Amino acid sequence: MSDVYVRAMPPTAQNTAGYMQIHNHSKQPVSLIKAESPIAKNVELHLSKMSEGVMKMIQQKEIMVPAEGSTHLKPGGLHIMFLGLNEPSKAGSKTTLKLTFSNGEQLTVDASIMKTPNPRGDMKHVQK
């Protein structure tokens, strides 16, 4: 796991997103199947996708990480969505993320909350 961070948002924001590079050193592919964090009521796996000229976010059941490879969760692509924030995502603070993978492995990682530009503006959420 590397480059783990959550986007800082204004105090009134209800949602934010998290990003990271997930590395898989095993000889078998694995999937991220669940993420949890104390800063949000609900945490989901998402994909941002352009559809008919509108950027939409589509909930994902899993995020695949290839054998001996990595998957980059980044703005405008795959990411972790924090819905119903329990506290403001204030720049300079940190939160924890508990990640569950298809092979049963669970990792708890620290995520810095950072102020970053929103390259896509507002996006429409689509339930899959």
N, C-alpha and C. Protein backbone atom coordinates (compact mmCIF):
# COMPACT_ATOMS: atom_id res chain seq x y z
N MET A 1 0.85 -1.15 0.00
CA MET A 1 0.00 0.00 0.00
C MET A 1 0.90 1.23 0.00
N SER A 2 0.58 2.21 -0.85
CA SER A 2 1.35 3.45 -0.83
C SER A 2 0.46 4.60 -1.26
N ASP A 3 0.93 5.81 -1.00
CA ASP A 3 0.23 7.04 -1.39
C ASP A 3 -1.23 7.06 -0.94
N VAL A 4 -1.49 6.69 0.31
CA VAL A 4 -2.85 6.62 0.85
C VAL A 4 -3.25 8.01 1.35
N TYR A 5 -4.34 8.56 0.80
CA TYR A 5 -4.84 9.83 1.29
C TYR A 5 -6.33 9.97 1.03
N VAL A 6 -6.94 10.88 1.80
CA VAL A 6 -8.36 11.21 1.68
C VAL A 6 -8.43 12.70 1.35
N ARG A 7 -9.34 13.05 0.46
CA ARG A 7 -9.48 14.45 0.05
C ARG A 7 -10.15 15.26 1.16
N ALA A 8 -9.52 16.37 1.56
CA ALA A 8 -10.12 17.31 2.51
C ALA A 8 -11.27 18.02 1.82
N MET A 9 -12.33 18.26 2.59
CA MET A 9 -13.52 18.93 2.06
C MET A 9 -13.94 20.04 3.01
N PRO A 10 -14.79 20.98 2.54
CA PRO A 10 -15.31 22.01 3.44
C PRO A 10 -16.09 21.38 4.59
N PRO A 11 -16.18 22.07 5.74
CA PRO A 11 -16.85 21.49 6.91
C PRO A 11 -18.29 21.04 6.68
N THR A 12 -18.98 21.63 5.72
CA THR A 12 -20.38 21.28 5.46
C THR A 12 -20.53 20.08 4.52
N ALA A 13 -19.45 19.61 3.93
CA ALA A 13 -19.52 18.49 2.98
C ALA A 13 -19.94 17.20 3.68
N GLN A 14 -20.76 16.43 3.02
CA GLN A 14 -21.23 15.16 3.56
C GLN A 14 -20.42 13.96 3.07
N ASN A 15 -19.66 14.14 1.99
CA ASN A 15 -18.94 13.03 1.37
C ASN A 15 -17.53 13.47 0.98
N THR A 16 -16.65 12.48 0.85
CA THR A 16 -15.32 12.72 0.30
C THR A 16 -14.82 11.43 -0.33
N ALA A 17 -13.60 11.45 -0.85
CA ALA A 17 -13.05 10.28 -1.53
C ALA A 17 -11.63 10.00 -1.05
N GLY A 18 -11.22 8.73 -1.19
CA GLY A 18 -9.89 8.31 -0.80
C GLY A 18 -9.18 7.61 -1.95
N TYR A 19 -7.87 7.72 -1.94
CA TYR A 19 -7.06 7.22 -3.04
C TYR A 19 -5.82 6.52 -2.50
N MET A 20 -5.24 5.65 -3.31
CA MET A 20 -4.03 4.93 -2.91
C MET A 20 -3.53 4.06 -4.06
N GLN A 21 -2.37 3.52 -3.88
CA GLN A 21 -1.81 2.51 -4.76
C GLN A 21 -1.83 1.21 -3.97
N ILE A 22 -2.52 0.19 -4.50
CA ILE A 22 -2.59 -1.11 -3.83
C ILE A 22 -1.65 -2.07 -4.55
N HIS A 23 -0.71 -2.64 -3.82
CA HIS A 23 0.28 -3.55 -4.39
C HIS A 23 -0.07 -4.99 -4.00
N ASN A 24 0.10 -5.90 -4.93
CA ASN A 24 -0.12 -7.32 -4.68
C ASN A 24 1.17 -8.06 -5.03
N HIS A 25 1.86 -8.55 -4.03
CA HIS A 25 3.13 -9.23 -4.26
C HIS A 25 2.97 -10.74 -4.43
N SER A 26 1.72 -11.23 -4.35
CA SER A 26 1.50 -12.67 -4.47
C SER A 26 1.37 -13.09 -5.94
N LYS A 27 1.38 -14.38 -6.16
CA LYS A 27 1.27 -14.92 -7.52
C LYS A 27 -0.19 -15.12 -7.94
N GLN A 28 -1.13 -14.70 -7.08
CA GLN A 28 -2.56 -14.82 -7.38
C GLN A 28 -3.21 -13.43 -7.38
N PRO A 29 -4.14 -13.18 -8.30
CA PRO A 29 -4.87 -11.90 -8.23
C PRO A 29 -5.70 -11.86 -6.96
N VAL A 30 -5.99 -10.66 -6.50
CA VAL A 30 -6.78 -10.46 -5.29
C VAL A 30 -7.68 -9.25 -5.54
N SER A 31 -8.77 -9.15 -4.80
CA SER A 31 -9.68 -8.01 -4.94
C SER A 31 -9.88 -7.33 -3.60
N LEU A 32 -9.92 -6.01 -3.63
CA LEU A 32 -10.37 -5.24 -2.48
C LEU A 32 -11.89 -5.37 -2.49
N ILE A 33 -12.47 -5.88 -1.41
CA ILE A 33 -13.92 -6.11 -1.39
C ILE A 33 -14.67 -5.24 -0.38
N LYS A 34 -13.91 -4.58 0.53
CA LYS A 34 -14.59 -3.78 1.54
C LYS A 34 -13.61 -2.77 2.13
N ALA A 35 -14.12 -1.58 2.45
CA ALA A 35 -13.33 -0.57 3.14
C ALA A 35 -14.20 0.03 4.25
N GLU A 36 -13.57 0.34 5.37
CA GLU A 36 -14.27 0.92 6.51
C GLU A 36 -13.42 2.04 7.09
N SER A 37 -14.08 3.06 7.64
CA SER A 37 -13.37 4.15 8.30
C SER A 37 -14.29 4.82 9.32
N PRO A 38 -13.72 5.25 10.44
CA PRO A 38 -14.54 5.92 11.45
C PRO A 38 -15.05 7.29 11.02
N ILE A 39 -14.51 7.87 9.94
CA ILE A 39 -14.96 9.22 9.57
C ILE A 39 -16.28 9.22 8.80
N ALA A 40 -16.77 8.04 8.37
CA ALA A 40 -17.99 8.03 7.55
C ALA A 40 -18.95 6.93 7.99
N LYS A 41 -20.23 7.20 7.81
CA LYS A 41 -21.26 6.20 8.12
C LYS A 41 -21.20 5.03 7.14
N ASN A 42 -20.87 5.33 5.89
CA ASN A 42 -20.82 4.30 4.85
C ASN A 42 -19.59 4.53 3.98
N VAL A 43 -18.89 3.45 3.67
CA VAL A 43 -17.70 3.53 2.82
C VAL A 43 -17.91 2.55 1.67
N GLU A 44 -17.77 3.04 0.44
CA GLU A 44 -18.03 2.22 -0.74
C GLU A 44 -16.86 2.28 -1.71
N LEU A 45 -16.76 1.27 -2.55
CA LEU A 45 -15.79 1.22 -3.63
C LEU A 45 -16.48 1.79 -4.87
N HIS A 46 -15.81 2.69 -5.58
CA HIS A 46 -16.45 3.37 -6.71
C HIS A 46 -15.52 3.46 -7.92
N LEU A 47 -16.15 3.68 -9.08
CA LEU A 47 -15.46 3.97 -10.33
C LEU A 47 -16.08 5.21 -10.93
N SER A 48 -15.27 6.21 -11.26
CA SER A 48 -15.75 7.38 -12.00
C SER A 48 -15.67 7.04 -13.48
N LYS A 49 -16.76 7.34 -14.20
CA LYS A 49 -16.83 6.99 -15.62
C LYS A 49 -17.62 8.04 -16.38
N MET A 50 -17.09 8.45 -17.53
CA MET A 50 -17.79 9.40 -18.38
C MET A 50 -18.87 8.65 -19.15
N SER A 51 -20.11 9.16 -19.08
CA SER A 51 -21.23 8.54 -19.78
C SER A 51 -22.13 9.63 -20.34
N GLU A 52 -22.25 9.69 -21.65
CA GLU A 52 -23.09 10.67 -22.34
C GLU A 52 -22.70 12.09 -21.92
N GLY A 53 -21.41 12.35 -21.81
CA GLY A 53 -20.92 13.67 -21.49
C GLY A 53 -21.00 14.06 -20.02
N VAL A 54 -21.42 13.12 -19.15
CA VAL A 54 -21.53 13.39 -17.72
C VAL A 54 -20.66 12.40 -16.95
N MET A 55 -19.85 12.93 -16.03
CA MET A 55 -19.04 12.06 -15.19
C MET A 55 -19.94 11.47 -14.11
N LYS A 56 -19.96 10.14 -14.02
CA LYS A 56 -20.79 9.44 -13.03
C LYS A 56 -19.90 8.56 -12.16
N MET A 57 -20.35 8.34 -10.93
CA MET A 57 -19.67 7.41 -10.05
C MET A 57 -20.53 6.18 -9.91
N ILE A 58 -19.94 5.01 -10.16
CA ILE A 58 -20.65 3.75 -10.13
C ILE A 58 -20.06 2.88 -9.03
N GLN A 59 -20.92 2.44 -8.12
CA GLN A 59 -20.45 1.58 -7.03
C GLN A 59 -19.94 0.26 -7.59
N GLN A 60 -18.83 -0.24 -7.04
CA GLN A 60 -18.20 -1.48 -7.46
C GLN A 60 -18.30 -2.52 -6.35
N LYS A 61 -18.49 -3.78 -6.71
CA LYS A 61 -18.49 -4.86 -5.71
C LYS A 61 -17.07 -5.17 -5.26
N GLU A 62 -16.10 -4.95 -6.15
CA GLU A 62 -14.71 -5.25 -5.85
C GLU A 62 -13.80 -4.43 -6.74
N ILE A 63 -12.55 -4.29 -6.30
CA ILE A 63 -11.51 -3.66 -7.12
C ILE A 63 -10.39 -4.67 -7.25
N MET A 64 -10.17 -5.14 -8.47
CA MET A 64 -9.17 -6.17 -8.74
C MET A 64 -7.75 -5.61 -8.67
N VAL A 65 -6.85 -6.43 -8.12
CA VAL A 65 -5.42 -6.13 -8.10
C VAL A 65 -4.72 -7.34 -8.70
N PRO A 66 -4.05 -7.17 -9.84
CA PRO A 66 -3.45 -8.33 -10.51
C PRO A 66 -2.33 -8.98 -9.72
N ALA A 67 -2.07 -10.25 -10.00
CA ALA A 67 -0.96 -10.97 -9.39
C ALA A 67 0.34 -10.23 -9.69
N GLU A 68 1.16 -10.08 -8.67
CA GLU A 68 2.46 -9.41 -8.80
C GLU A 68 2.33 -8.06 -9.50
N GLY A 69 1.24 -7.34 -9.19
CA GLY A 69 0.99 -6.05 -9.82
C GLY A 69 0.39 -5.06 -8.84
N SER A 70 -0.17 -4.01 -9.38
CA SER A 70 -0.78 -2.99 -8.53
C SER A 70 -1.96 -2.35 -9.23
N THR A 71 -2.82 -1.73 -8.45
CA THR A 71 -3.96 -0.98 -8.96
C THR A 71 -3.93 0.39 -8.30
N HIS A 72 -4.10 1.42 -9.11
CA HIS A 72 -4.02 2.79 -8.63
C HIS A 72 -5.43 3.36 -8.47
N LEU A 73 -5.81 3.68 -7.26
CA LEU A 73 -7.06 4.37 -7.00
C LEU A 73 -6.74 5.86 -7.04
N LYS A 74 -7.37 6.58 -7.98
CA LYS A 74 -7.00 7.98 -8.21
C LYS A 74 -8.23 8.79 -8.64
N PRO A 75 -8.15 10.11 -8.52
CA PRO A 75 -9.25 10.95 -8.96
C PRO A 75 -9.58 10.68 -10.44
N GLY A 76 -10.86 10.60 -10.74
CA GLY A 76 -11.29 10.34 -12.11
C GLY A 76 -11.31 8.87 -12.48
N GLY A 77 -11.05 7.98 -11.54
CA GLY A 77 -11.02 6.54 -11.81
C GLY A 77 -11.56 5.77 -10.61
N LEU A 78 -10.93 4.66 -10.31
CA LEU A 78 -11.31 3.88 -9.13
C LEU A 78 -10.96 4.67 -7.87
N HIS A 79 -11.82 4.58 -6.85
CA HIS A 79 -11.57 5.27 -5.59
C HIS A 79 -12.45 4.71 -4.49
N ILE A 80 -12.19 5.14 -3.28
CA ILE A 80 -13.01 4.78 -2.12
C ILE A 80 -13.85 6.00 -1.78
N MET A 81 -15.15 5.81 -1.65
CA MET A 81 -16.07 6.91 -1.37
C MET A 81 -16.53 6.84 0.08
N PHE A 82 -16.41 7.96 0.79
CA PHE A 82 -16.83 8.10 2.18
C PHE A 82 -18.14 8.87 2.18
N LEU A 83 -19.23 8.23 2.55
CA LEU A 83 -20.57 8.82 2.48
C LEU A 83 -21.12 9.05 3.88
N GLY A 84 -21.66 10.24 4.10
CA GLY A 84 -22.20 10.57 5.42
C GLY A 84 -21.09 10.76 6.43
N LEU A 85 -20.29 11.78 6.24
CA LEU A 85 -19.14 12.01 7.12
C LEU A 85 -19.59 12.23 8.56
N ASN A 86 -18.92 11.56 9.49
CA ASN A 86 -19.17 11.71 10.92
C ASN A 86 -18.45 12.92 11.49
N GLU A 87 -17.45 13.39 10.77
CA GLU A 87 -16.64 14.52 11.19
C GLU A 87 -16.06 15.16 9.93
N PRO A 88 -15.70 16.43 9.99
CA PRO A 88 -15.12 17.07 8.80
C PRO A 88 -13.82 16.39 8.38
N SER A 89 -13.60 16.33 7.08
CA SER A 89 -12.33 15.79 6.57
C SER A 89 -11.37 16.99 6.42
N LYS A 90 -10.74 17.33 7.54
CA LYS A 90 -9.92 18.53 7.66
C LYS A 90 -8.48 18.27 7.22
N ALA A 91 -7.98 19.12 6.33
CA ALA A 91 -6.60 19.00 5.85
C ALA A 91 -5.64 19.01 7.03
N GLY A 92 -4.65 18.13 6.97
CA GLY A 92 -3.63 18.05 8.01
C GLY A 92 -3.93 17.00 9.07
N SER A 93 -5.17 16.48 9.08
CA SER A 93 -5.49 15.43 10.05
C SER A 93 -5.31 14.07 9.38
N LYS A 94 -5.62 13.02 10.13
CA LYS A 94 -5.49 11.65 9.62
C LYS A 94 -6.71 10.85 9.99
N THR A 95 -6.92 9.75 9.29
CA THR A 95 -7.94 8.78 9.64
C THR A 95 -7.38 7.39 9.37
N THR A 96 -8.07 6.39 9.83
CA THR A 96 -7.66 5.02 9.53
C THR A 96 -8.63 4.42 8.52
N LEU A 97 -8.12 3.50 7.75
CA LEU A 97 -8.91 2.73 6.80
C LEU A 97 -8.67 1.26 7.08
N LYS A 98 -9.74 0.50 7.21
CA LYS A 98 -9.63 -0.95 7.34
C LYS A 98 -10.05 -1.52 5.99
N LEU A 99 -9.13 -2.22 5.33
CA LEU A 99 -9.35 -2.77 4.00
C LEU A 99 -9.44 -4.29 4.09
N THR A 100 -10.47 -4.85 3.45
CA THR A 100 -10.66 -6.31 3.43
C THR A 100 -10.52 -6.80 2.00
N PHE A 101 -9.74 -7.87 1.83
CA PHE A 101 -9.47 -8.42 0.51
C PHE A 101 -10.11 -9.79 0.33
N SER A 102 -10.27 -10.20 -0.90
CA SER A 102 -10.94 -11.46 -1.24
C SER A 102 -10.22 -12.69 -0.70
N ASN A 103 -8.94 -12.59 -0.39
CA ASN A 103 -8.19 -13.73 0.15
C ASN A 103 -8.29 -13.80 1.68
N GLY A 104 -9.13 -12.93 2.28
CA GLY A 104 -9.31 -12.92 3.72
C GLY A 104 -8.39 -11.96 4.46
N GLU A 105 -7.39 -11.43 3.79
CA GLU A 105 -6.45 -10.51 4.42
C GLU A 105 -7.16 -9.20 4.76
N GLN A 106 -6.85 -8.66 5.93
CA GLN A 106 -7.36 -7.36 6.34
C GLN A 106 -6.16 -6.49 6.72
N LEU A 107 -6.17 -5.26 6.22
CA LEU A 107 -5.11 -4.31 6.53
C LEU A 107 -5.74 -3.05 7.10
N THR A 108 -5.12 -2.50 8.12
CA THR A 108 -5.52 -1.20 8.63
C THR A 108 -4.39 -0.24 8.31
N VAL A 109 -4.72 0.84 7.60
CA VAL A 109 -3.71 1.80 7.17
C VAL A 109 -4.12 3.20 7.62
N ASP A 110 -3.13 4.05 7.85
CA ASP A 110 -3.37 5.45 8.15
C ASP A 110 -3.46 6.22 6.84
N ALA A 111 -4.42 7.14 6.78
CA ALA A 111 -4.59 7.96 5.59
C ALA A 111 -4.50 9.43 5.99
N SER A 112 -3.62 10.16 5.34
CA SER A 112 -3.54 11.60 5.55
C SER A 112 -4.72 12.25 4.85
N ILE A 113 -5.27 13.29 5.47
CA ILE A 113 -6.33 14.05 4.82
C ILE A 113 -5.67 15.28 4.23
N MET A 114 -5.78 15.41 2.91
CA MET A 114 -5.04 16.43 2.18
C MET A 114 -5.97 17.28 1.32
N LYS A 115 -5.63 18.55 1.22
CA LYS A 115 -6.36 19.45 0.33
C LYS A 115 -5.85 19.22 -1.08
N THR A 116 -6.75 18.83 -1.97
CA THR A 116 -6.40 18.60 -3.37
C THR A 116 -7.48 19.20 -4.25
N PRO A 117 -7.14 19.60 -5.46
CA PRO A 117 -8.18 20.11 -6.35
C PRO A 117 -9.12 18.99 -6.78
N ASN A 118 -10.39 19.30 -6.99
CA ASN A 118 -11.35 18.33 -7.50
C ASN A 118 -11.35 18.45 -9.02
N PRO A 119 -10.69 17.53 -9.74
CA PRO A 119 -10.53 17.67 -11.18
C PRO A 119 -11.81 17.44 -11.97
N ARG A 120 -12.82 16.87 -11.37
CA ARG A 120 -14.03 16.51 -12.10
C ARG A 120 -15.26 17.32 -11.71
N GLY A 121 -15.16 18.17 -10.68
CA GLY A 121 -16.35 18.89 -10.24
C GLY A 121 -17.35 17.96 -9.61
N ASP A 122 -18.61 18.33 -9.62
CA ASP A 122 -19.65 17.48 -9.04
C ASP A 122 -19.90 16.28 -9.92
N MET A 123 -20.15 15.14 -9.29
CA MET A 123 -20.42 13.90 -10.02
C MET A 123 -21.73 13.32 -9.55
N LYS A 124 -22.38 12.60 -10.44
CA LYS A 124 -23.64 11.95 -10.11
C LYS A 124 -23.34 10.54 -9.61
N HIS A 125 -23.94 10.15 -8.49
CA HIS A 125 -23.77 8.80 -7.94
C HIS A 125 -24.78 7.87 -8.60
N VAL A 126 -24.32 6.71 -9.04
CA VAL A 126 -25.18 5.71 -9.64
C VAL A 126 -25.02 4.41 -8.87
N GLN A 127 -26.10 3.85 -8.38
CA GLN A 127 -26.03 2.56 -7.68
C GLN A 127 -25.98 1.46 -8.73
N LYS A 128 -25.09 0.51 -8.53
CA LYS A 128 -24.95 -0.62 -9.46
C LYS A 128 -25.80 -1.77 -9.02
